[in-house]
Protein backbone atom coordinates (compact mmCIF):
# COMPACT_ATOMS: atom_id res chain seq x y z
CA MET A 1 74.51 49.72 112.27
CA LEU A 2 72.30 52.71 112.91
CA GLU A 3 74.11 55.88 113.93
CA PRO A 4 73.06 59.06 115.72
CA GLY A 5 70.82 61.08 113.42
CA ASP A 6 69.41 58.03 111.64
CA GLY A 7 65.65 57.59 111.64
CA ALA A 8 64.21 55.12 114.11
CA PRO A 9 63.27 51.76 112.62
CA ASP A 10 59.69 50.49 112.60
CA VAL A 11 59.76 47.50 114.94
CA SER A 12 57.44 45.39 117.03
CA ALA A 13 57.98 42.16 118.91
CA GLU A 14 56.53 40.00 121.63
CA ASN A 15 57.64 40.64 125.18
CA GLN A 16 58.21 38.07 127.91
CA ASP A 17 54.42 37.74 128.37
CA GLY A 18 53.78 37.07 124.67
CA THR A 19 52.21 40.53 124.26
CA LEU A 20 53.02 42.36 121.03
CA VAL A 21 54.88 45.61 121.74
CA ASP A 22 55.01 48.32 119.06
CA LEU A 23 57.85 50.79 119.57
CA SER A 24 57.28 54.39 118.43
CA PHE A 25 60.51 56.07 119.60
CA GLU A 26 58.91 59.50 119.89
CA GLU A 27 59.60 59.68 123.62
CA PRO A 28 63.12 58.89 124.87
CA THR A 29 63.66 55.14 124.69
CA VAL A 30 66.60 52.86 125.46
CA VAL A 31 66.92 49.66 123.43
CA TYR A 32 69.78 47.53 124.61
CA PHE A 33 70.86 44.39 122.79
CA TYR A 34 72.49 41.63 124.79
CA PRO A 35 73.79 38.16 123.86
CA LYS A 36 71.78 35.70 125.97
CA ASP A 37 69.36 35.44 128.87
CA ASP A 38 70.71 34.35 132.25
CA THR A 39 74.41 34.58 131.43
CA PRO A 40 76.75 36.49 133.77
CA GLY A 41 77.24 39.77 131.87
CA CYS A 42 73.68 39.87 130.61
CA THR A 43 72.34 39.30 134.11
CA VAL A 44 74.46 42.15 135.51
CA GLU A 45 73.24 44.48 132.77
CA ALA A 46 69.57 43.53 133.19
CA LYS A 47 69.68 43.81 136.99
CA GLN A 48 71.32 47.23 136.78
CA PHE A 49 68.77 48.55 134.28
CA ASN A 50 66.11 47.23 136.65
CA ALA A 51 67.78 48.96 139.62
CA GLU A 52 67.73 52.28 137.70
CA LEU A 53 64.20 51.76 136.36
CA ASP A 54 62.51 54.17 138.78
CA ALA A 55 64.85 56.96 137.68
CA TYR A 56 64.29 56.09 134.01
CA ALA A 57 60.52 56.13 134.60
CA GLU A 58 60.70 59.44 136.47
CA ALA A 59 62.56 60.89 133.49
CA GLY A 60 59.94 59.47 131.09
CA VAL A 61 62.39 57.08 129.43
CA ASP A 62 61.30 53.58 128.38
CA VAL A 63 63.77 50.69 128.54
CA TYR A 64 63.70 47.52 126.43
CA GLY A 65 66.14 44.64 126.33
CA VAL A 66 66.47 42.60 123.13
CA SER A 67 68.14 39.28 122.42
CA LEU A 68 67.64 36.35 120.05
CA ASP A 69 66.05 34.40 122.91
CA ASP A 70 62.39 33.42 122.62
CA VAL A 71 59.41 34.48 124.74
CA ASP A 72 59.71 31.49 127.10
CA SER A 73 63.39 32.19 127.80
CA HIS A 74 62.62 35.86 128.47
CA GLU A 75 59.76 34.92 130.78
CA GLU A 76 62.05 32.69 132.86
CA PHE A 77 64.78 35.39 132.96
CA VAL A 78 62.31 38.09 134.05
CA GLU A 79 60.80 35.88 136.75
CA LYS A 80 64.16 34.66 138.07
CA TYR A 81 65.50 38.20 138.61
CA GLY A 82 62.25 40.15 139.16
CA LEU A 83 62.80 42.39 136.15
CA ASP A 84 60.16 45.10 135.70
CA PHE A 85 60.79 46.10 132.10
CA ASP A 86 60.08 44.38 128.80
CA LEU A 87 62.48 42.00 127.14
CA LEU A 88 61.66 41.69 123.46
CA ALA A 89 61.99 38.30 121.81
CA ASP A 90 63.88 38.43 118.52
CA PRO A 91 64.50 34.77 117.61
CA ASP A 92 64.61 35.54 113.87
CA GLY A 93 66.85 38.59 114.31
CA ASP A 94 64.36 41.01 112.75
CA ILE A 95 64.86 43.75 115.36
CA ALA A 96 68.63 43.25 115.29
CA ASP A 97 68.54 43.59 111.49
CA ALA A 98 66.46 46.77 111.72
CA PHE A 99 69.12 48.30 113.98
CA GLY A 100 72.04 46.81 112.05
CA VAL A 101 73.20 44.74 115.03
CA ASP A 102 75.44 41.78 114.18
CA THR A 103 74.02 38.31 114.83
CA SER A 104 76.54 36.32 112.79
CA GLU A 105 77.79 34.44 115.88
CA GLY A 106 74.28 33.25 116.76
CA TYR A 107 73.63 35.99 119.30
CA THR A 108 73.38 39.78 119.28
CA GLU A 109 76.44 41.82 120.07
CA ARG A 110 76.17 43.98 123.18
CA VAL A 111 75.13 47.42 121.93
CA THR A 112 72.71 50.06 123.25
CA PHE A 113 70.69 52.64 121.37
CA VAL A 114 68.94 55.73 122.71
CA LEU A 115 66.16 57.04 120.50
CA ALA A 116 63.96 60.11 120.82
CA GLY A 117 61.87 62.20 118.47
CA GLY A 118 61.85 59.38 115.94
CA GLU A 119 65.63 59.18 115.56
CA VAL A 120 68.72 57.63 117.05
CA THR A 121 70.46 59.98 119.49
CA HIS A 122 73.16 57.75 121.02
CA VAL A 123 74.85 54.44 120.18
CA TYR A 124 77.01 52.56 122.68
CA GLU A 125 79.20 49.80 121.26
CA GLY A 126 81.57 47.53 123.15
CA VAL A 127 79.41 47.90 126.24
CA LYS A 128 80.75 46.79 129.61
CA PRO A 129 77.64 45.69 131.55
CA ASP A 130 78.65 46.96 134.99
CA GLY A 131 77.63 50.62 135.35
CA HIS A 132 76.21 50.90 131.84
CA ALA A 133 72.59 51.52 132.87
CA ARG A 134 73.57 54.50 135.03
CA ASP A 135 75.95 55.89 132.36
CA VAL A 136 73.19 55.82 129.73
CA LEU A 137 70.73 57.56 132.05
CA ASN A 138 73.31 60.22 132.94
CA ASP A 139 73.99 60.87 129.24
CA ILE A 140 70.26 61.20 128.52
CA LEU A 141 69.93 63.71 131.36
CA ASP A 142 73.14 65.58 130.48
CA ASP A 143 72.01 65.97 126.87
CA GLY A 144 68.60 67.30 127.91
CA LEU A 145 66.61 64.48 126.30
CA ALA A 146 64.84 64.02 129.62
CA THR A 147 64.84 65.51 133.11
CA LEU A 148 64.25 64.19 136.60
CA ASP A 149 61.57 66.05 138.52
């Protein structure tokens, strides 16, 4: 698994609309891996990132969710909960592999990465979904990676 100080991987994937998204990781970016669309913990996590999205945007921080689900599953999940950020489809596990995230159980483990300036700055393993989105934003702000105006 990537660790703080490691270079950002070169990744791209389709989002819930089937649009190819290329991630550069120069600006502060959160990439959170979650096991499966529309399951209890994953729904809590996604809804909380969505609730904090205005603050992330104000700070200039992009947020992406990634799971092994396909574009259609992501589209349904986004529509059901009104999510306003991209979920990246990773059915072959290519993004998970690039980050070193385990998929041996048929889903991605719950882990979050913060990247900025082309490198990994934070890694959160063993994530508890409730409160995680706010904790990550607070850490980004506390470490000076971004500021709220």
